Amino acid sequence: MGFKIIGNRSEEGEFIASADAWPPEKMAALFDKFNPNRKLRLAREKAALDAVAKDDKKEDDLI
Protein backbone atom coordinates (compact mmCIF):
# COMPACT_ATOMS: atom_id res chain seq x y z
CA MET A 1 0.00 0.00 0.00
CA GLY A 2 1.51 3.29 -1.05
CA PHE A 3 0.79 6.94 -0.81
CA LYS A 4 -1.62 8.19 -3.47
CA ILE A 5 -2.74 11.72 -4.07
CA ILE A 6 -6.49 11.90 -4.46
CA GLY A 7 -7.37 14.08 -7.38
CA ASN A 8 -9.11 14.51 -10.69
CA ARG A 9 -8.45 15.98 -14.11
CA SER A 10 -10.08 19.22 -15.19
CA GLU A 11 -11.74 19.67 -18.57
CA GLU A 12 -8.42 21.02 -19.86
CA GLY A 13 -6.66 17.88 -18.65
CA GLU A 14 -4.90 19.56 -15.74
CA PHE A 15 -4.60 17.77 -12.41
CA ILE A 16 -6.81 19.15 -9.64
CA ALA A 17 -6.10 17.96 -6.10
CA SER A 18 -9.25 17.01 -4.24
CA ALA A 19 -8.26 19.36 -1.42
CA ASP A 20 -8.68 22.23 -3.89
CA ALA A 21 -12.11 21.05 -5.01
CA TRP A 22 -13.64 19.83 -1.75
CA PRO A 23 -15.38 22.23 0.63
CA PRO A 24 -13.77 22.78 4.06
CA GLU A 25 -16.67 20.96 5.77
CA LYS A 26 -16.00 17.77 3.80
CA MET A 27 -12.27 18.01 4.49
CA ALA A 28 -12.93 18.44 8.22
CA ALA A 29 -15.25 15.40 8.17
CA LEU A 30 -12.54 13.29 6.48
CA PHE A 31 -9.90 14.42 8.97
CA ASP A 32 -12.23 13.61 11.87
CA LYS A 33 -12.98 10.16 10.40
CA PHE A 34 -9.38 9.14 9.77
CA ASN A 35 -7.84 10.95 12.76
CA PRO A 36 -10.39 10.92 15.59
CA ASN A 37 -7.88 12.41 18.06
CA ARG A 38 -7.75 15.54 15.88
CA LYS A 39 -11.15 16.62 17.16
CA LEU A 40 -9.92 16.32 20.76
CA ARG A 41 -6.72 18.24 19.99
CA LEU A 42 -8.65 21.03 18.27
CA ALA A 43 -11.03 21.26 21.23
CA ARG A 44 -8.07 21.52 23.66
CA GLU A 45 -6.40 24.19 21.53
CA LYS A 46 -9.63 26.19 21.29
CA ALA A 47 -10.17 25.96 25.06
CA ALA A 48 -6.60 27.16 25.67
CA LEU A 49 -7.05 30.11 23.30
CA ASP A 50 -10.36 31.00 24.95
CA ALA A 51 -8.72 30.90 28.37
CA VAL A 52 -5.90 33.18 27.20
CA ALA A 53 -8.40 35.60 25.67
CA LYS A 54 -10.45 35.59 28.88
CA ASP A 55 -7.32 36.34 30.97
CA ASP A 56 -6.37 39.17 28.61
CA LYS A 57 -9.83 40.66 28.98
CA LYS A 58 -9.57 40.51 32.78
CA GLU A 59 -6.24 42.36 32.67
CA ASP A 60 -7.77 45.02 30.40
CA ASP A 61 -10.66 45.49 32.82
CA LEU A 62 -8.23 46.06 35.70
CA ILE A 63 -6.48 48.89 33.91
PDB file of N, CA and C in Angstrom:
ATOM      1  N   MET A   1       0.853  -1.169   0.000  1.00  0.00           N
ATOM      2  CA  MET A   1       0.000   0.000   0.000  1.00  0.00           C
ATOM      3  C   MET A   1       0.896   1.228   0.000  1.00  0.00           C
ATOM      4  N   GLY A   2       0.675   2.106  -0.938  1.00  0.00           N
ATOM      5  CA  GLY A   2       1.508   3.286  -1.048  1.00  0.00           C
ATOM      6  C   GLY A   2       0.703   4.556  -0.883  1.00  0.00           C
ATOM      7  N   PHE A   3       1.415   5.634  -0.934  1.00  0.00           N
ATOM      8  CA  PHE A   3       0.793   6.942  -0.807  1.00  0.00           C
ATOM      9  C   PHE A   3       0.253   7.364  -2.162  1.00  0.00           C
ATOM     10  N   LYS A   4      -1.023   7.727  -2.222  1.00  0.00           N
ATOM     11  CA  LYS A   4      -1.618   8.187  -3.466  1.00  0.00           C
ATOM     12  C   LYS A   4      -2.287   9.528  -3.221  1.00  0.00           C
ATOM     13  N   ILE A   5      -2.072  10.429  -4.142  1.00  0.00           N
ATOM     14  CA  ILE A   5      -2.743  11.720  -4.075  1.00  0.00           C
ATOM     15  C   ILE A   5      -4.124  11.541  -4.685  1.00  0.00           C
ATOM     16  N   ILE A   6      -5.125  11.985  -3.958  1.00  0.00           N
ATOM     17  CA  ILE A   6      -6.485  11.896  -4.458  1.00  0.00           C
ATOM     18  C   ILE A   6      -6.736  13.144  -5.290  1.00  0.00           C
ATOM     19  N   GLY A   7      -7.116  12.935  -6.528  1.00  0.00           N
ATOM     20  CA  GLY A   7      -7.368  14.085  -7.379  1.00  0.00           C
ATOM     21  C   GLY A   7      -8.100  13.695  -8.642  1.00  0.00           C
ATOM     22  N   ASN A   8      -8.379  14.682  -9.448  1.00  0.00           N
ATOM     23  CA  ASN A   8      -9.110  14.508 -10.690  1.00  0.00           C
ATOM     24  C   ASN A   8      -8.449  15.342 -11.772  1.00  0.00           C
ATOM     25  N   ARG A   9      -8.920  15.175 -12.986  1.00  0.00           N
ATOM     26  CA  ARG A   9      -8.449  15.983 -14.111  1.00  0.00           C
ATOM     27  C   ARG A   9      -9.537  16.981 -14.482  1.00  0.00           C
ATOM     28  N   SER A  10      -9.116  18.202 -14.762  1.00  0.00           N
ATOM     29  CA  SER A  10     -10.076  19.221 -15.194  1.00  0.00           C
ATOM     30  C   SER A  10     -10.440  18.979 -16.650  1.00  0.00           C
ATOM     31  N   GLU A  11     -11.339  19.800 -17.175  1.00  0.00           N
ATOM     32  CA  GLU A  11     -11.739  19.672 -18.575  1.00  0.00           C
ATOM     33  C   GLU A  11     -10.566  19.920 -19.518  1.00  0.00           C
ATOM     34  N   GLU A  12      -9.602  20.735 -19.057  1.00  0.00           N
ATOM     35  CA  GLU A  12      -8.421  21.023 -19.861  1.00  0.00           C
ATOM     36  C   GLU A  12      -7.358  19.938 -19.709  1.00  0.00           C
ATOM     37  N   GLY A  13      -7.608  18.958 -18.856  1.00  0.00           N
ATOM     38  CA  GLY A  13      -6.657  17.881 -18.646  1.00  0.00           C
ATOM     39  C   GLY A  13      -5.651  18.144 -17.551  1.00  0.00           C
ATOM     40  N   GLU A  14      -5.818  19.241 -16.819  1.00  0.00           N
ATOM     41  CA  GLU A  14      -4.897  19.564 -15.740  1.00  0.00           C
ATOM     42  C   GLU A  14      -5.320  18.850 -14.461  1.00  0.00           C
ATOM     43  N   PHE A  15      -4.324  18.465 -13.675  1.00  0.00           N
ATOM     44  CA  PHE A  15      -4.596  17.774 -12.407  1.00  0.00           C
ATOM     45  C   PHE A  15      -5.153  18.751 -11.380  1.00  0.00           C
ATOM     46  N   ILE A  16      -6.220  18.354 -10.711  1.00  0.00           N
ATOM     47  CA  ILE A  16      -6.807  19.154  -9.636  1.00  0.00           C
ATOM     48  C   ILE A  16      -6.817  18.275  -8.392  1.00  0.00           C
ATOM     49  N   ALA A  17      -6.101  18.701  -7.360  1.00  0.00           N
ATOM     50  CA  ALA A  17      -6.104  17.957  -6.101  1.00  0.00           C
ATOM     51  C   ALA A  17      -7.480  18.066  -5.470  1.00  0.00           C
ATOM     52  N   SER A  18      -7.928  17.004  -4.857  1.00  0.00           N
ATOM     53  CA  SER A  18      -9.250  17.013  -4.239  1.00  0.00           C
ATOM     54  C   SER A  18      -9.351  18.054  -3.137  1.00  0.00           C
ATOM     55  N   ALA A  19      -8.246  18.348  -2.477  1.00  0.00           N
ATOM     56  CA  ALA A  19      -8.264  19.363  -1.417  1.00  0.00           C
ATOM     57  C   ALA A  19      -8.637  20.729  -1.979  1.00  0.00           C
ATOM     58  N   ASP A  20      -8.327  20.962  -3.262  1.00  0.00           N
ATOM     59  CA  ASP A  20      -8.684  22.227  -3.891  1.00  0.00           C
ATOM     60  C   ASP A  20     -10.144  22.271  -4.293  1.00  0.00           C
ATOM     61  N   ALA A  21     -10.747  21.114  -4.505  1.00  0.00           N
ATOM     62  CA  ALA A  21     -12.113  21.049  -5.007  1.00  0.00           C
ATOM     63  C   ALA A  21     -13.129  20.772  -3.906  1.00  0.00           C
ATOM     64  N   TRP A  22     -12.695  20.194  -2.800  1.00  0.00           N
ATOM     65  CA  TRP A  22     -13.638  19.832  -1.747  1.00  0.00           C
ATOM     66  C   TRP A  22     -13.871  21.013  -0.810  1.00  0.00           C
ATOM     67  N   PRO A  23     -15.106  21.151  -0.330  1.00  0.00           N
ATOM     68  CA  PRO A  23     -15.383  22.234   0.631  1.00  0.00           C
ATOM     69  C   PRO A  23     -14.719  21.943   1.981  1.00  0.00           C
ATOM     70  N   PRO A  24     -14.432  22.975   2.756  1.00  0.00           N
ATOM     71  CA  PRO A  24     -13.774  22.777   4.058  1.00  0.00           C
ATOM     72  C   PRO A  24     -14.547  21.846   4.989  1.00  0.00           C
ATOM     73  N   GLU A  25     -15.876  21.846   4.898  1.00  0.00           N
ATOM     74  CA  GLU A  25     -16.672  20.965   5.765  1.00  0.00           C
ATOM     75  C   GLU A  25     -16.390  19.494   5.456  1.00  0.00           C
ATOM     76  N   LYS A  26     -16.275  19.158   4.169  1.00  0.00           N
ATOM     77  CA  LYS A  26     -15.999  17.772   3.796  1.00  0.00           C
ATOM     78  C   LYS A  26     -14.582  17.373   4.213  1.00  0.00           C
ATOM     79  N   MET A  27     -13.635  18.300   4.067  1.00  0.00           N
ATOM     80  CA  MET A  27     -12.266  18.013   4.486  1.00  0.00           C
ATOM     81  C   MET A  27     -12.201  17.775   5.991  1.00  0.00           C
ATOM     82  N   ALA A  28     -12.918  18.602   6.762  1.00  0.00           N
ATOM     83  CA  ALA A  28     -12.932  18.435   8.216  1.00  0.00           C
ATOM     84  C   ALA A  28     -13.553  17.091   8.590  1.00  0.00           C
ATOM     85  N   ALA A  29     -14.613  16.689   7.888  1.00  0.00           N
ATOM     86  CA  ALA A  29     -15.247  15.400   8.165  1.00  0.00           C
ATOM     87  C   ALA A  29     -14.282  14.249   7.882  1.00  0.00           C
ATOM     88  N   LEU A  30     -13.519  14.344   6.798  1.00  0.00           N
ATOM     89  CA  LEU A  30     -12.540  13.290   6.485  1.00  0.00           C
ATOM     90  C   LEU A  30     -11.436  13.237   7.529  1.00  0.00           C
ATOM     91  N   PHE A  31     -10.931  14.401   7.935  1.00  0.00           N
ATOM     92  CA  PHE A  31      -9.898  14.420   8.968  1.00  0.00           C
ATOM     93  C   PHE A  31     -10.420  13.826  10.265  1.00  0.00           C
ATOM     94  N   ASP A  32     -11.653  14.147  10.634  1.00  0.00           N
ATOM     95  CA  ASP A  32     -12.231  13.605  11.868  1.00  0.00           C
ATOM     96  C   ASP A  32     -12.415  12.094  11.772  1.00  0.00           C
ATOM     97  N   LYS A  33     -12.767  11.602  10.580  1.00  0.00           N
ATOM     98  CA  LYS A  33     -12.979  10.165  10.398  1.00  0.00           C
ATOM     99  C   LYS A  33     -11.662   9.391  10.507  1.00  0.00           C
ATOM    100  N   PHE A  34     -10.640   9.882   9.829  1.00  0.00           N
ATOM    101  CA  PHE A  34      -9.379   9.143   9.774  1.00  0.00           C
ATOM    102  C   PHE A  34      -8.413   9.497  10.894  1.00  0.00           C
ATOM    103  N   ASN A  35      -8.682  10.565  11.630  1.00  0.00           N
ATOM    104  CA  ASN A  35      -7.843  10.948  12.755  1.00  0.00           C
ATOM    105  C   ASN A  35      -8.755  11.440  13.880  1.00  0.00           C
ATOM    106  N   PRO A  36      -9.406  10.523  14.578  1.00  0.00           N
ATOM    107  CA  PRO A  36     -10.387  10.925  15.590  1.00  0.00           C
ATOM    108  C   PRO A  36      -9.781  11.761  16.715  1.00  0.00           C
ATOM    109  N   ASN A  37      -8.509  11.619  17.002  1.00  0.00           N
ATOM    110  CA  ASN A  37      -7.881  12.411  18.059  1.00  0.00           C
ATOM    111  C   ASN A  37      -7.737  13.872  17.660  1.00  0.00           C
ATOM    112  N   ARG A  38      -7.846  14.160  16.369  1.00  0.00           N
ATOM    113  CA  ARG A  38      -7.745  15.538  15.885  1.00  0.00           C
ATOM    114  C   ARG A  38      -8.836  16.403  16.505  1.00  0.00           C
ATOM    115  N   LYS A  39     -10.032  15.856  16.605  1.00  0.00           N
ATOM    116  CA  LYS A  39     -11.145  16.616  17.162  1.00  0.00           C
ATOM    117  C   LYS A  39     -10.854  16.981  18.620  1.00  0.00           C
ATOM    118  N   LEU A  40     -10.269  16.051  19.360  1.00  0.00           N
ATOM    119  CA  LEU A  40      -9.925  16.318  20.759  1.00  0.00           C
ATOM    120  C   LEU A  40      -8.825  17.374  20.858  1.00  0.00           C
ATOM    121  N   ARG A  41      -7.826  17.276  19.979  1.00  0.00           N
ATOM    122  CA  ARG A  41      -6.722  18.242  19.991  1.00  0.00           C
ATOM    123  C   ARG A  41      -7.233  19.633  19.651  1.00  0.00           C
ATOM    124  N   LEU A  42      -8.099  19.726  18.646  1.00  0.00           N
ATOM    125  CA  LEU A  42      -8.652  21.027  18.268  1.00  0.00           C
ATOM    126  C   LEU A  42      -9.481  21.622  19.400  1.00  0.00           C
ATOM    127  N   ALA A  43     -10.222  20.776  20.111  1.00  0.00           N
ATOM    128  CA  ALA A  43     -11.029  21.264  21.232  1.00  0.00           C
ATOM    129  C   ALA A  43     -10.123  21.789  22.350  1.00  0.00           C
ATOM    130  N   ARG A  44      -9.011  21.068  22.634  1.00  0.00           N
ATOM    131  CA  ARG A  44      -8.067  21.520  23.657  1.00  0.00           C
ATOM    132  C   ARG A  44      -7.425  22.848  23.263  1.00  0.00           C
ATOM    133  N   GLU A  45      -7.027  22.957  21.989  1.00  0.00           N
ATOM    134  CA  GLU A  45      -6.397  24.191  21.530  1.00  0.00           C
ATOM    135  C   GLU A  45      -7.371  25.359  21.606  1.00  0.00           C
ATOM    136  N   LYS A  46      -8.625  25.130  21.240  1.00  0.00           N
ATOM    137  CA  LYS A  46      -9.628  26.194  21.294  1.00  0.00           C
ATOM    138  C   LYS A  46      -9.879  26.616  22.743  1.00  0.00           C
ATOM    139  N   ALA A  47      -9.956  25.643  23.656  1.00  0.00           N
ATOM    140  CA  ALA A  47     -10.166  25.961  25.062  1.00  0.00           C
ATOM    141  C   ALA A  47      -8.991  26.774  25.614  1.00  0.00           C
ATOM    142  N   ALA A  48      -7.776  26.420  25.211  1.00  0.00           N
ATOM    143  CA  ALA A  48      -6.600  27.160  25.668  1.00  0.00           C
ATOM    144  C   ALA A  48      -6.616  28.592  25.130  1.00  0.00           C
ATOM    145  N   LEU A  49      -6.979  28.764  23.873  1.00  0.00           N
ATOM    146  CA  LEU A  49      -7.054  30.111  23.302  1.00  0.00           C
ATOM    147  C   LEU A  49      -8.149  30.934  23.967  1.00  0.00           C
ATOM    148  N   ASP A  50      -9.280  30.299  24.263  1.00  0.00           N
ATOM    149  CA  ASP A  50     -10.364  31.001  24.947  1.00  0.00           C
ATOM    150  C   ASP A  50      -9.935  31.437  26.344  1.00  0.00           C
ATOM    151  N   ALA A  51      -9.181  30.571  27.027  1.00  0.00           N
ATOM    152  CA  ALA A  51      -8.716  30.898  28.373  1.00  0.00           C
ATOM    153  C   ALA A  51      -7.743  32.077  28.325  1.00  0.00           C
ATOM    154  N   VAL A  52      -6.861  32.079  27.343  1.00  0.00           N
ATOM    155  CA  VAL A  52      -5.904  33.181  27.202  1.00  0.00           C
ATOM    156  C   VAL A  52      -6.652  34.477  26.895  1.00  0.00           C
ATOM    157  N   ALA A  53      -7.628  34.410  26.017  1.00  0.00           N
ATOM    158  CA  ALA A  53      -8.404  35.604  25.668  1.00  0.00           C
ATOM    159  C   ALA A  53      -9.177  36.116  26.878  1.00  0.00           C
ATOM    160  N   LYS A  54      -9.694  35.205  27.683  1.00  0.00           N
ATOM    161  CA  LYS A  54     -10.446  35.591  28.880  1.00  0.00           C
ATOM    162  C   LYS A  54      -9.518  36.276  29.891  1.00  0.00           C
ATOM    163  N   ASP A  55      -8.304  35.729  30.058  1.00  0.00           N
ATOM    164  CA  ASP A  55      -7.321  36.335  30.967  1.00  0.00           C
ATOM    165  C   ASP A  55      -6.909  37.719  30.477  1.00  0.00           C
ATOM    166  N   ASP A  56      -6.733  37.865  29.167  1.00  0.00           N
ATOM    167  CA  ASP A  56      -6.371  39.170  28.610  1.00  0.00           C
ATOM    168  C   ASP A  56      -7.472  40.182  28.853  1.00  0.00           C
ATOM    169  N   LYS A  57      -8.708  39.748  28.756  1.00  0.00           N
ATOM    170  CA  LYS A  57      -9.829  40.659  28.979  1.00  0.00           C
ATOM    171  C   LYS A  57      -9.875  41.098  30.451  1.00  0.00           C
ATOM    172  N   LYS A  58      -9.593  40.154  31.357  1.00  0.00           N
ATOM    173  CA  LYS A  58      -9.566  40.506  32.781  1.00  0.00           C
ATOM    174  C   LYS A  58      -8.499  41.555  33.070  1.00  0.00           C
ATOM    175  N   GLU A  59      -7.326  41.405  32.464  1.00  0.00           N
ATOM    176  CA  GLU A  59      -6.240  42.365  32.667  1.00  0.00           C
ATOM    177  C   GLU A  59      -6.635  43.721  32.108  1.00  0.00           C
ATOM    178  N   ASP A  60      -7.322  43.749  30.964  1.00  0.00           N
ATOM    179  CA  ASP A  60      -7.766  45.024  30.396  1.00  0.00           C
ATOM    180  C   ASP A  60      -8.787  45.697  31.278  1.00  0.00           C
ATOM    181  N   ASP A  61      -9.654  44.918  31.932  1.00  0.00           N
ATOM    182  CA  ASP A  61     -10.662  45.486  32.818  1.00  0.00           C
ATOM    183  C   ASP A  61     -10.027  46.110  34.081  1.00  0.00           C
ATOM    184  N   LEU A  62      -8.905  45.555  34.514  1.00  0.00           N
ATOM    185  CA  LEU A  62      -8.229  46.058  35.699  1.00  0.00           C
ATOM    186  C   LEU A  62      -7.553  47.403  35.461  1.00  0.00           C
ATOM    187  N   ILE A  63      -7.199  47.647  34.225  1.00  0.00           N
ATOM    188  CA  ILE A  63      -6.478  48.888  33.906  1.00  0.00           C
ATOM    189  C   ILE A  63      -7.373  50.070  33.895  1.00  0.00           C
TER     190      ILE A  63
END
